[in-house]
PDB file of all heavy atoms in Angstrom:
ATOM      1  N   ASN A   1     184.851 114.423  70.658  1.00  0.00           N
ATOM      2  CA  ASN A   1     185.312 115.540  71.466  1.00  0.00           C
ATOM      3  C   ASN A   1     184.731 115.378  72.866  1.00  0.00           C
ATOM      4  O   ASN A   1     183.799 116.107  73.240  1.00  0.00           O
ATOM      5  CB  ASN A   1     184.866 116.849  70.811  1.00  0.00           C
ATOM      6  CG  ASN A   1     185.384 117.043  69.421  1.00  0.00           C
ATOM      7  OD1 ASN A   1     186.575 117.325  69.212  1.00  0.00           O
ATOM      8  ND2 ASN A   1     184.498 116.845  68.453  1.00  0.00           N
ATOM      9  N   PRO A   2     185.314 114.477  73.667  1.00  0.00           N
ATOM     10  CA  PRO A   2     184.805 114.214  74.995  1.00  0.00           C
ATOM     11  C   PRO A   2     184.956 115.360  75.934  1.00  0.00           C
ATOM     12  O   PRO A   2     185.849 116.157  75.823  1.00  0.00           O
ATOM     13  CB  PRO A   2     185.599 113.014  75.450  1.00  0.00           C
ATOM     14  CG  PRO A   2     186.893 113.082  74.714  1.00  0.00           C
ATOM     15  CD  PRO A   2     186.517 113.640  73.365  1.00  0.00           C
ATOM     16  N   GLU A   3     184.042 115.472  76.931  1.00  0.00           N
ATOM     17  CA  GLU A   3     184.121 116.456  77.986  1.00  0.00           C
ATOM     18  C   GLU A   3     185.312 116.102  78.893  1.00  0.00           C
ATOM     19  O   GLU A   3     185.770 114.979  78.940  1.00  0.00           O
ATOM     20  CB  GLU A   3     182.825 116.438  78.786  1.00  0.00           C
ATOM     21  CG  GLU A   3     181.608 116.879  78.022  1.00  0.00           C
ATOM     22  CD  GLU A   3     181.671 118.340  77.578  1.00  0.00           C
ATOM     23  OE1 GLU A   3     182.242 119.186  78.370  1.00  0.00           O
ATOM     24  OE2 GLU A   3     181.216 118.682  76.474  1.00  0.00           O
ATOM     25  N   PRO A   4     185.810 117.105  79.602  1.00  0.00           N
ATOM     26  CA  PRO A   4     186.973 116.855  80.495  1.00  0.00           C
ATOM     27  C   PRO A   4     186.787 115.709  81.470  1.00  0.00           C
ATOM     28  O   PRO A   4     187.689 114.923  81.729  1.00  0.00           O
ATOM     29  CB  PRO A   4     187.142 118.192  81.224  1.00  0.00           C
ATOM     30  CG  PRO A   4     186.609 119.230  80.296  1.00  0.00           C
ATOM     31  CD  PRO A   4     185.491 118.501  79.580  1.00  0.00           C
ATOM     32  N   PHE A   5     185.567 115.580  82.035  1.00  0.00           N
ATOM     33  CA  PHE A   5     185.324 114.497  82.977  1.00  0.00           C
ATOM     34  C   PHE A   5     185.358 113.157  82.267  1.00  0.00           C
ATOM     35  O   PHE A   5     185.925 112.187  82.796  1.00  0.00           O
ATOM     36  CB  PHE A   5     183.975 114.671  83.663  1.00  0.00           C
ATOM     37  CG  PHE A   5     183.646 113.600  84.690  1.00  0.00           C
ATOM     38  CD1 PHE A   5     184.164 113.698  85.961  1.00  0.00           C
ATOM     39  CD2 PHE A   5     182.840 112.508  84.339  1.00  0.00           C
ATOM     40  CE1 PHE A   5     183.878 112.718  86.915  1.00  0.00           C
ATOM     41  CE2 PHE A   5     182.566 111.531  85.286  1.00  0.00           C
ATOM     42  CZ  PHE A   5     183.076 111.627  86.585  1.00  0.00           C
ATOM     43  N   ASP A   6     184.804 113.090  81.082  1.00  0.00           N
ATOM     44  CA  ASP A   6     184.798 111.834  80.355  1.00  0.00           C
ATOM     45  C   ASP A   6     186.191 111.374  79.990  1.00  0.00           C
ATOM     46  O   ASP A   6     186.448 110.182  79.830  1.00  0.00           O
ATOM     47  CB  ASP A   6     183.941 111.945  79.069  1.00  0.00           C
ATOM     48  CG  ASP A   6     182.503 112.334  79.412  1.00  0.00           C
ATOM     49  OD1 ASP A   6     181.989 111.847  80.424  1.00  0.00           O
ATOM     50  OD2 ASP A   6     181.911 113.074  78.611  1.00  0.00           O
ATOM     51  N   GLN A   7     187.122 112.343  79.794  1.00  0.00           N
ATOM     52  CA  GLN A   7     188.501 112.000  79.491  1.00  0.00           C
ATOM     53  C   GLN A   7     189.192 111.232  80.624  1.00  0.00           C
ATOM     54  O   GLN A   7     190.177 110.538  80.389  1.00  0.00           O
ATOM     55  CB  GLN A   7     189.277 113.263  79.168  1.00  0.00           C
ATOM     56  CG  GLN A   7     188.815 113.982  77.870  1.00  0.00           C
ATOM     57  CD  GLN A   7     189.599 115.229  77.619  1.00  0.00           C
ATOM     58  OE1 GLN A   7     190.527 115.601  78.362  1.00  0.00           O
ATOM     59  NE2 GLN A   7     189.200 115.971  76.565  1.00  0.00           N
ATOM     60  N   LYS A   8     188.689 111.352  81.837  1.00  0.00           N
ATOM     61  CA  LYS A   8     189.308 110.658  82.956  1.00  0.00           C
ATOM     62  C   LYS A   8     188.892 109.167  82.993  1.00  0.00           C
ATOM     63  O   LYS A   8     189.493 108.376  83.661  1.00  0.00           O
ATOM     64  CB  LYS A   8     188.922 111.323  84.265  1.00  0.00           C
ATOM     65  CG  LYS A   8     189.454 112.740  84.383  1.00  0.00           C
ATOM     66  CD  LYS A   8     189.060 113.345  85.713  1.00  0.00           C
ATOM     67  CE  LYS A   8     189.692 114.742  85.882  1.00  0.00           C
ATOM     68  NZ  LYS A   8     189.227 115.668  84.826  1.00  0.00           N
ATOM     69  N   LEU A   9     187.857 108.828  82.278  1.00  0.00           N
ATOM     70  CA  LEU A   9     187.368 107.416  82.234  1.00  0.00           C
ATOM     71  C   LEU A   9     188.211 106.587  81.308  1.00  0.00           C
ATOM     72  O   LEU A   9     188.628 107.070  80.211  1.00  0.00           O
ATOM     73  CB  LEU A   9     185.900 107.369  81.770  1.00  0.00           C
ATOM     74  CG  LEU A   9     184.906 108.149  82.615  1.00  0.00           C
ATOM     75  CD1 LEU A   9     183.511 108.102  81.945  1.00  0.00           C
ATOM     76  CD2 LEU A   9     184.808 107.583  84.032  1.00  0.00           C
ATOM     77  N   PRO A  10     188.615 105.377  81.672  1.00  0.00           N
ATOM     78  CA  PRO A  10     189.391 104.502  80.820  1.00  0.00           C
ATOM     79  C   PRO A  10     188.523 103.919  79.697  1.00  0.00           C
ATOM     80  O   PRO A  10     188.280 102.779  79.606  1.00  0.00           O
ATOM     81  CB  PRO A  10     189.879 103.434  81.751  1.00  0.00           C
ATOM     82  CG  PRO A  10     188.846 103.381  82.823  1.00  0.00           C
ATOM     83  CD  PRO A  10     188.322 104.747  82.999  1.00  0.00           C
ATOM     84  N   LEU A  11     188.095 104.823  78.792  1.00  0.00           N
ATOM     85  CA  LEU A  11     187.166 104.404  77.753  1.00  0.00           C
ATOM     86  C   LEU A  11     187.745 103.409  76.764  1.00  0.00           C
ATOM     87  O   LEU A  11     187.056 102.647  76.135  1.00  0.00           O
ATOM     88  CB  LEU A  11     186.681 105.640  76.987  1.00  0.00           C
ATOM     89  CG  LEU A  11     185.827 106.608  77.793  1.00  0.00           C
ATOM     90  CD1 LEU A  11     185.407 107.811  76.904  1.00  0.00           C
ATOM     91  CD2 LEU A  11     184.559 105.952  78.344  1.00  0.00           C
ATOM     92  N   CYS A  12     189.060 103.426  76.616  1.00  0.00           N
ATOM     93  CA  CYS A  12     189.705 102.503  75.678  1.00  0.00           C
ATOM     94  C   CYS A  12     189.449 101.058  76.090  1.00  0.00           C
ATOM     95  O   CYS A  12     189.422 100.176  75.237  1.00  0.00           O
ATOM     96  CB  CYS A  12     191.218 102.743  75.651  1.00  0.00           C
ATOM     97  SG  CYS A  12     191.579 104.282  74.751  1.00  0.00           S
ATOM     98  N   ARG A  13     189.255 100.790  77.373  1.00  0.00           N
ATOM     99  CA  ARG A  13     188.889  99.430  77.793  1.00  0.00           C
ATOM    100  C   ARG A  13     187.521  99.055  77.254  1.00  0.00           C
ATOM    101  O   ARG A  13     187.218  97.911  77.038  1.00  0.00           O
ATOM    102  CB  ARG A  13     188.940  99.380  79.313  1.00  0.00           C
ATOM    103  CG  ARG A  13     190.325  99.476  79.914  1.00  0.00           C
ATOM    104  CD  ARG A  13     190.292  99.635  81.419  1.00  0.00           C
ATOM    105  NE  ARG A  13     189.497  98.600  82.059  1.00  0.00           N
ATOM    106  CZ  ARG A  13     189.060  98.649  83.296  1.00  0.00           C
ATOM    107  NH1 ARG A  13     189.290  99.712  84.078  1.00  0.00           N
ATOM    108  NH2 ARG A  13     188.375  97.647  83.794  1.00  0.00           N
ATOM    109  N   LEU A  14     186.659 100.093  77.148  1.00  0.00           N
ATOM    110  CA  LEU A  14     185.330  99.832  76.587  1.00  0.00           C
ATOM    111  C   LEU A  14     185.410  99.559  75.106  1.00  0.00           C
ATOM    112  O   LEU A  14     184.665  98.713  74.549  1.00  0.00           O
ATOM    113  CB  LEU A  14     184.448 101.028  76.891  1.00  0.00           C
ATOM    114  CG  LEU A  14     183.012 101.011  76.360  1.00  0.00           C
ATOM    115  CD1 LEU A  14     182.214  99.866  76.950  1.00  0.00           C
ATOM    116  CD2 LEU A  14     182.313 102.312  76.612  1.00  0.00           C
ATOM    117  N   TYR A  15     186.324 100.276  74.432  1.00  0.00           N
ATOM    118  CA  TYR A  15     186.435 100.153  72.993  1.00  0.00           C
ATOM    119  C   TYR A  15     186.913  98.806  72.550  1.00  0.00           C
ATOM    120  O   TYR A  15     186.744  98.399  71.402  1.00  0.00           O
ATOM    121  CB  TYR A  15     187.345 101.233  72.408  1.00  0.00           C
ATOM    122  CG  TYR A  15     186.892 102.638  72.701  1.00  0.00           C
ATOM    123  CD1 TYR A  15     187.833 103.660  72.767  1.00  0.00           C
ATOM    124  CD2 TYR A  15     185.534 102.948  72.910  1.00  0.00           C
ATOM    125  CE1 TYR A  15     187.403 104.971  73.028  1.00  0.00           C
ATOM    126  CE2 TYR A  15     185.129 104.221  73.185  1.00  0.00           C
ATOM    127  CZ  TYR A  15     186.064 105.236  73.251  1.00  0.00           C
ATOM    128  OH  TYR A  15     185.712 106.508  73.566  1.00  0.00           O
ATOM    129  N   ASP A  16     187.602  98.073  73.448  1.00  0.00           N
ATOM    130  CA  ASP A  16     188.108  96.742  73.101  1.00  0.00           C
ATOM    131  C   ASP A  16     186.976  95.686  73.076  1.00  0.00           C
ATOM    132  O   ASP A  16     187.199  94.567  72.655  1.00  0.00           O
ATOM    133  CB  ASP A  16     189.171  96.296  74.143  1.00  0.00           C
ATOM    134  CG  ASP A  16     190.418  97.107  74.028  1.00  0.00           C
ATOM    135  OD1 ASP A  16     190.645  97.680  72.926  1.00  0.00           O
ATOM    136  OD2 ASP A  16     191.133  97.185  74.995  1.00  0.00           O
ATOM    137  N   LYS A  17     185.784  96.060  73.522  1.00  0.00           N
ATOM    138  CA  LYS A  17     184.675  95.137  73.579  1.00  0.00           C
ATOM    139  C   LYS A  17     183.743  95.301  72.342  1.00  0.00           C
ATOM    140  O   LYS A  17     183.557  96.383  71.866  1.00  0.00           O
ATOM    141  CB  LYS A  17     183.864  95.327  74.830  1.00  0.00           C
ATOM    142  CG  LYS A  17     184.701  95.139  76.120  1.00  0.00           C
ATOM    143  CD  LYS A  17     183.820  95.358  77.364  1.00  0.00           C
ATOM    144  CE  LYS A  17     184.656  95.209  78.637  1.00  0.00           C
ATOM    145  NZ  LYS A  17     183.808  95.408  79.837  1.00  0.00           N
ATOM    146  N   LYS A  18     183.169  94.198  71.928  1.00  0.00           N
ATOM    147  CA  LYS A  18     182.217  94.219  70.844  1.00  0.00           C
ATOM    148  C   LYS A  18     180.875  93.922  71.472  1.00  0.00           C
ATOM    149  O   LYS A  18     180.549  92.794  71.768  1.00  0.00           O
ATOM    150  CB  LYS A  18     182.516  93.230  69.775  1.00  0.00           C
ATOM    151  CG  LYS A  18     181.567  93.262  68.615  1.00  0.00           C
ATOM    152  CD  LYS A  18     181.977  92.281  67.511  1.00  0.00           C
ATOM    153  CE  LYS A  18     181.000  92.408  66.333  1.00  0.00           C
ATOM    154  NZ  LYS A  18     181.343  91.452  65.262  1.00  0.00           N
ATOM    155  N   PRO A  19     180.021  94.929  71.724  1.00  0.00           N
ATOM    156  CA  PRO A  19     178.758  94.734  72.466  1.00  0.00           C
ATOM    157  C   PRO A  19     177.811  93.853  71.671  1.00  0.00           C
ATOM    158  O   PRO A  19     177.686  93.984  70.428  1.00  0.00           O
ATOM    159  CB  PRO A  19     178.237  96.142  72.655  1.00  0.00           C
ATOM    160  CG  PRO A  19     178.896  96.956  71.558  1.00  0.00           C
ATOM    161  CD  PRO A  19     180.247  96.378  71.377  1.00  0.00           C
ATOM    162  N   LYS A  20     177.154  92.958  72.366  1.00  0.00           N
ATOM    163  CA  LYS A  20     176.179  92.103  71.791  1.00  0.00           C
ATOM    164  C   LYS A  20     174.819  92.489  72.343  1.00  0.00           C
ATOM    165  O   LYS A  20     174.633  92.581  73.542  1.00  0.00           O
ATOM    166  CB  LYS A  20     176.469  90.642  72.197  1.00  0.00           C
ATOM    167  CG  LYS A  20     175.437  89.639  71.832  1.00  0.00           C
ATOM    168  CD  LYS A  20     175.737  88.282  72.392  1.00  0.00           C
ATOM    169  CE  LYS A  20     174.618  87.267  72.117  1.00  0.00           C
ATOM    170  NZ  LYS A  20     174.922  85.961  72.716  1.00  0.00           N
ATOM    171  N   PHE A  21     173.851  92.735  71.422  1.00  0.00           N
ATOM    172  CA  PHE A  21     172.525  93.171  71.843  1.00  0.00           C
ATOM    173  C   PHE A  21     171.677  91.872  72.111  1.00  0.00           C
ATOM    174  O   PHE A  21     171.618  90.987  71.309  1.00  0.00           O
ATOM    175  CB  PHE A  21     171.891  94.019  70.769  1.00  0.00           C
ATOM    176  CG  PHE A  21     172.521  95.353  70.650  1.00  0.00           C
ATOM    177  CD1 PHE A  21     173.608  95.520  69.862  1.00  0.00           C
ATOM    178  CD2 PHE A  21     171.987  96.435  71.308  1.00  0.00           C
ATOM    179  CE1 PHE A  21     174.232  96.768  69.739  1.00  0.00           C
ATOM    180  CE2 PHE A  21     172.633  97.676  71.223  1.00  0.00           C
ATOM    181  CZ  PHE A  21     173.729  97.853  70.425  1.00  0.00           C
ATOM    182  N   LEU A  22     171.025  91.902  73.265  1.00  0.00           N
ATOM    183  CA  LEU A  22     170.258  90.742  73.661  1.00  0.00           C
ATOM    184  C   LEU A  22     168.916  90.619  72.881  1.00  0.00           C
ATOM    185  O   LEU A  22     168.369  91.619  72.492  1.00  0.00           O
ATOM    186  CB  LEU A  22     169.959  90.827  75.152  1.00  0.00           C
ATOM    187  CG  LEU A  22     169.351  89.590  75.854  1.00  0.00           C
ATOM    188  CD1 LEU A  22     170.393  88.477  75.863  1.00  0.00           C
ATOM    189  CD2 LEU A  22     168.927  89.924  77.246  1.00  0.00           C
ATOM    190  N   SER A  23     168.493  89.422  72.706  1.00  0.00           N
ATOM    191  CA  SER A  23     167.193  89.175  72.122  1.00  0.00           C
ATOM    192  C   SER A  23     166.085  89.852  73.007  1.00  0.00           C
ATOM    193  O   SER A  23     166.249  89.878  74.215  1.00  0.00           O
ATOM    194  CB  SER A  23     166.867  87.678  72.056  1.00  0.00           C
ATOM    195  OG  SER A  23     165.531  87.430  71.818  1.00  0.00           O
ATOM    196  N   PRO A  24     165.000  90.396  72.382  1.00  0.00           N
ATOM    197  CA  PRO A  24     163.965  91.061  73.192  1.00  0.00           C
ATOM    198  C   PRO A  24     163.352  90.155  74.234  1.00  0.00           C
ATOM    199  O   PRO A  24     162.846  90.648  75.251  1.00  0.00           O
ATOM    200  CB  PRO A  24     162.936  91.498  72.140  1.00  0.00           C
ATOM    201  CG  PRO A  24     163.722  91.587  70.835  1.00  0.00           C
ATOM    202  CD  PRO A  24     164.821  90.531  70.961  1.00  0.00           C
ATOM    203  N   LYS A  25     163.427  88.847  74.061  1.00  0.00           N
ATOM    204  CA  LYS A  25     162.823  87.945  75.004  1.00  0.00           C
ATOM    205  C   LYS A  25     163.645  87.818  76.293  1.00  0.00           C
ATOM    206  O   LYS A  25     163.155  87.656  77.376  1.00  0.00           O
ATOM    207  CB  LYS A  25     162.580  86.565  74.377  1.00  0.00           C
ATOM    208  CG  LYS A  25     161.601  86.577  73.243  1.00  0.00           C
ATOM    209  CD  LYS A  25     161.386  85.165  72.705  1.00  0.00           C
ATOM    210  CE  LYS A  25     160.340  85.164  71.597  1.00  0.00           C
ATOM    211  NZ  LYS A  25     160.167  83.792  71.050  1.00  0.00           N
ATOM    212  N   GLY A  26     164.995  87.820  76.137  1.00  0.00           N
ATOM    213  CA  GLY A  26     165.839  87.694  77.255  1.00  0.00           C
ATOM    214  C   GLY A  26     165.832  86.265  77.816  1.00  0.00           C
ATOM    215  O   GLY A  26     165.226  85.354  77.247  1.00  0.00           O
ATOM    216  N   PRO A  27     166.579  86.022  78.914  1.00  0.00           N
ATOM    217  CA  PRO A  27     166.590  84.701  79.549  1.00  0.00           C
ATOM    218  C   PRO A  27     165.211  84.300  80.027  1.00  0.00           C
ATOM    219  O   PRO A  27     164.320  85.143  80.295  1.00  0.00           O
ATOM    220  CB  PRO A  27     167.574  84.888  80.694  1.00  0.00           C
ATOM    221  CG  PRO A  27     168.306  86.155  80.415  1.00  0.00           C
ATOM    222  CD  PRO A  27     167.378  86.982  79.607  1.00  0.00           C
ATOM    223  N   VAL A  28     165.022  83.032  80.246  1.00  0.00           N
ATOM    224  CA  VAL A  28     163.729  82.516  80.711  1.00  0.00           C
ATOM    225  C   VAL A  28     163.827  82.101  82.166  1.00  0.00           C
ATOM    226  O   VAL A  28     164.656  81.276  82.531  1.00  0.00           O
ATOM    227  CB  VAL A  28     163.254  81.303  79.859  1.00  0.00           C
ATOM    228  CG1 VAL A  28     161.932  80.788  80.411  1.00  0.00           C
ATOM    229  CG2 VAL A  28     163.089  81.719  78.384  1.00  0.00           C
ATOM    230  N   LEU A  29     163.036  82.750  83.010  1.00  0.00           N
ATOM    231  CA  LEU A  29     163.034  82.455  84.443  1.00  0.00           C
ATOM    232  C   LEU A  29     161.586  82.358  84.908  1.00  0.00           C
ATOM    233  O   LEU A  29     160.698  82.913  84.348  1.00  0.00           O
ATOM    234  CB  LEU A  29     163.789  83.514  85.266  1.00  0.00           C
ATOM    235  CG  LEU A  29     165.318  83.503  85.207  1.00  0.00           C
ATOM    236  CD1 LEU A  29     165.836  84.628  86.142  1.00  0.00           C
ATOM    237  CD2 LEU A  29     165.910  82.185  85.614  1.00  0.00           C
ATOM    238  N   LYS A  30     161.432  81.663  86.007  1.00  0.00           N
ATOM    239  CA  LYS A  30     160.117  81.557  86.669  1.00  0.00           C
ATOM    240  C   LYS A  30     160.148  82.394  87.939  1.00  0.00           C
ATOM    241  O   LYS A  30     161.220  82.786  88.446  1.00  0.00           O
ATOM    242  CB  LYS A  30     159.802  80.100  87.001  1.00  0.00           C
ATOM    243  CG  LYS A  30     159.718  79.173  85.780  1.00  0.00           C
ATOM    244  CD  LYS A  30     159.398  77.739  86.169  1.00  0.00           C
ATOM    245  CE  LYS A  30     159.359  76.847  84.970  1.00  0.00           C
ATOM    246  NZ  LYS A  30     159.050  75.445  85.343  1.00  0.00           N
ATOM    247  N   LYS A  31     158.961  82.645  88.517  1.00  0.00           N
ATOM    248  CA  LYS A  31     158.879  83.456  89.726  1.00  0.00           C
ATOM    249  C   LYS A  31     159.620  82.787  90.876  1.00  0.00           C
ATOM    250  O   LYS A  31     160.152  83.469  91.723  1.00  0.00           O
ATOM    251  CB  LYS A  31     157.422  83.713  90.062  1.00  0.00           C
ATOM    252  CG  LYS A  31     156.729  84.723  89.173  1.00  0.00           C
ATOM    253  CD  LYS A  31     155.356  85.155  89.742  1.00  0.00           C
ATOM    254  CE  LYS A  31     154.764  86.240  88.914  1.00  0.00           C
ATOM    255  NZ  LYS A  31     153.462  86.707  89.425  1.00  0.00           N
ATOM    256  N   THR A  32     159.603  81.468  90.874  1.00  0.00           N
ATOM    257  CA  THR A  32     160.320  80.773  91.982  1.00  0.00           C
ATOM    258  C   THR A  32     161.843  80.984  91.908  1.00  0.00           C
ATOM    259  O   THR A  32     162.506  80.909  92.924  1.00  0.00           O
ATOM    260  CB  THR A  32     160.019  79.272  91.903  1.00  0.00           C
ATOM    261  OG1 THR A  32     160.334  78.771  90.593  1.00  0.00           O
ATOM    262  CG2 THR A  32     158.541  78.982  92.197  1.00  0.00           C
ATOM    263  N   ASP A  33     162.321  81.255  90.693  1.00  0.00           N
ATOM    264  CA  ASP A  33     163.764  81.487  90.502  1.00  0.00           C
ATOM    265  C   ASP A  33     164.246  82.816  91.100  1.00  0.00           C
ATOM    266  O   ASP A  33     165.427  82.988  91.427  1.00  0.00           O
ATOM    267  CB  ASP A  33     164.156  81.411  89.055  1.00  0.00           C
ATOM    268  CG  ASP A  33     163.851  80.053  88.426  1.00  0.00           C
ATOM    269  OD1 ASP A  33     163.992  79.026  89.146  1.00  0.00           O
ATOM    270  OD2 ASP A  33     163.427  79.979  87.218  1.00  0.00           O
ATOM    271  N   ILE A  34     163.337  83.772  91.192  1.00  0.00           N
ATOM    272  CA  ILE A  34     163.749  85.125  91.606  1.00  0.00           C
ATOM    273  C   ILE A  34     163.224  85.445  92.987  1.00  0.00           C
ATOM    274  O   ILE A  34     163.480  86.564  93.492  1.00  0.00           O
ATOM    275  CB  ILE A  34     163.264  86.196  90.641  1.00  0.00           C
ATOM    276  CG1 ILE A  34     161.730  86.286  90.642  1.00  0.00           C
ATOM    277  CG2 ILE A  34     163.776  85.921  89.213  1.00  0.00           C
ATOM    278  CD1 ILE A  34     161.206  87.470  89.887  1.00  0.00           C
ATOM    279  N   LYS A  35     162.531  84.527  93.619  1.00  0.00           N
ATOM    280  CA  LYS A  35     161.921  84.794  94.891  1.00  0.00           C
ATOM    281  C   LYS A  35     162.886  85.264  95.941  1.00  0.00           C
ATOM    282  O   LYS A  35     162.601  86.190  96.716  1.00  0.00           O
ATOM    283  CB  LYS A  35     161.213  83.494  95.394  1.00  0.00           C
ATOM    284  CG  LYS A  35     160.402  83.687  96.665  1.00  0.00           C
ATOM    285  CD  LYS A  35     159.697  82.414  97.051  1.00  0.00           C
ATOM    286  CE  LYS A  35     158.858  82.614  98.329  1.00  0.00           C
ATOM    287  NZ  LYS A  35     158.139  81.331  98.704  1.00  0.00           N
ATOM    288  N   LYS A  36     164.048  84.719  95.977  1.00  0.00           N
ATOM    289  CA  LYS A  36     165.024  85.094  96.982  1.00  0.00           C
ATOM    290  C   LYS A  36     165.600  86.503  96.829  1.00  0.00           C
ATOM    291  O   LYS A  36     166.222  87.030  97.754  1.00  0.00           O
ATOM    292  CB  LYS A  36     166.211  84.093  97.040  1.00  0.00           C
ATOM    293  CG  LYS A  36     167.020  83.992  95.760  1.00  0.00           C
ATOM    294  CD  LYS A  36     168.093  82.967  95.870  1.00  0.00           C
ATOM    295  CE  LYS A  36     168.905  82.785  94.582  1.00  0.00           C
ATOM    296  NZ  LYS A  36     169.952  81.773  94.696  1.00  0.00           N
ATOM    297  N   TYR A  37     165.390  87.118  95.653  1.00  0.00           N
ATOM    298  CA  TYR A  37     165.909  88.453  95.414  1.00  0.00           C
ATOM    299  C   TYR A  37     164.850  89.521  95.665  1.00  0.00           C
ATOM    300  O   TYR A  37     165.153  90.708  95.633  1.00  0.00           O
ATOM    301  CB  TYR A  37     166.386  88.586  93.981  1.00  0.00           C
ATOM    302  CG  TYR A  37     167.439  87.617  93.594  1.00  0.00           C
ATOM    303  CD1 TYR A  37     167.205  86.596  92.661  1.00  0.00           C
ATOM    304  CD2 TYR A  37     168.699  87.611  94.205  1.00  0.00           C
ATOM    305  CE1 TYR A  37     168.157  85.698  92.280  1.00  0.00           C
ATOM    306  CE2 TYR A  37     169.667  86.700  93.882  1.00  0.00           C
ATOM    307  CZ  TYR A  37     169.419  85.755  92.918  1.00  0.00           C
ATOM    308  OH  TYR A  37     170.378  84.834  92.584  1.00  0.00           O
ATOM    309  N   LEU A  38     163.605  89.126  95.960  1.00  0.00           N
ATOM    310  CA  LEU A  38     162.534  90.081  96.198  1.00  0.00           C
ATOM    311  C   LEU A  38     162.533  90.585  97.604  1.00  0.00           C
ATOM    312  O   LEU A  38     162.691  89.768  98.565  1.00  0.00           O
ATOM    313  CB  LEU A  38     161.180  89.453  95.824  1.00  0.00           C
ATOM    314  CG  LEU A  38     161.028  88.932  94.417  1.00  0.00           C
ATOM    315  CD1 LEU A  38     159.650  88.348  94.214  1.00  0.00           C
ATOM    316  CD2 LEU A  38     161.275  90.036  93.384  1.00  0.00           C
ATOM    317  N   ARG A  39     162.380  91.823  97.786  1.00  0.00           N
ATOM    318  CA  ARG A  39     162.277  92.431  99.114  1.00  0.00           C
ATOM    319  C   ARG A  39     160.871  92.137  99.713  1.00  0.00           C
ATOM    320  O   ARG A  39     159.865  92.310  99.004  1.00  0.00           O
ATOM    321  CB  ARG A  39     162.478  93.968  99.047  1.00  0.00           C
ATOM    322  CG  ARG A  39     163.868  94.345  98.544  1.00  0.00           C
ATOM    323  CD  ARG A  39     164.921  94.048  99.545  1.00  0.00           C
ATOM    324  NE  ARG A  39     166.282  94.261  99.008  1.00  0.00           N
ATOM    325  CZ  ARG A  39     167.379  93.988  99.696  1.00  0.00           C
ATOM    326  NH1 ARG A  39     167.314  93.489 100.912  1.00  0.00           N
ATOM    327  NH2 ARG A  39     168.587  94.267  99.172  1.00  0.00           N
ATOM    328  N   GLN A  40     160.846  91.791 100.975  1.00  0.00           N
ATOM    329  CA  GLN A  40     159.588  91.500 101.644  1.00  0.00           C
ATOM    330  C   GLN A  40     158.639  92.679 101.575  1.00  0.00           C
ATOM    331  O   GLN A  40     157.425  92.550 101.437  1.00  0.00           O
ATOM    332  CB  GLN A  40     159.866  91.086 103.106  1.00  0.00           C
ATOM    333  CG  GLN A  40     158.588  90.674 103.874  1.00  0.00           C
ATOM    334  CD  GLN A  40     157.997  89.394 103.319  1.00  0.00           C
ATOM    335  OE1 GLN A  40     158.703  88.496 102.895  1.00  0.00           O
ATOM    336  NE2 GLN A  40     156.672  89.384 103.278  1.00  0.00           N
ATOM    337  N   GLU A  41     159.229  93.872 101.723  1.00  0.00           N
ATOM    338  CA  GLU A  41     158.417  95.098 101.692  1.00  0.00           C
ATOM    339  C   GLU A  41     157.828  95.419 100.306  1.00  0.00           C
ATOM    340  O   GLU A  41     156.943  96.265 100.166  1.00  0.00           O
ATOM    341  CB  GLU A  41     159.229  96.289 102.192  1.00  0.00           C
ATOM    342  CG  GLU A  41     159.811  96.141 103.587  1.00  0.00           C
ATOM    343  CD  GLU A  41     161.165  95.433 103.603  1.00  0.00           C
ATOM    344  OE1 GLU A  41     161.518  94.804 102.624  1.00  0.00           O
ATOM    345  OE2 GLU A  41     161.805  95.533 104.656  1.00  0.00           O
ATOM    346  N   SER A  42     158.351  94.759  99.256  1.00  0.00           N
ATOM    347  CA  SER A  42     157.963  95.129  97.857  1.00  0.00           C
ATOM    348  C   SER A  42     157.442  93.958  97.068  1.00  0.00           C
ATOM    349  O   SER A  42     157.498  94.019  95.835  1.00  0.00           O
ATOM    350  CB  SER A  42     159.181  95.727  97.153  1.00  0.00           C
ATOM    351  OG  SER A  42     159.709  96.841  97.866  1.00  0.00           O
TER     352      SER A  42
END
């Protein structure tokens, strides 16, 4: 029984997908791999 706002979302596109839950470990990356995405201020 979705709310009126939720009815405007094309939820059927979501229902066509079969979600896959990721392993708790996730992908393996090193600090050098993510360096370019880090903000200098942070």
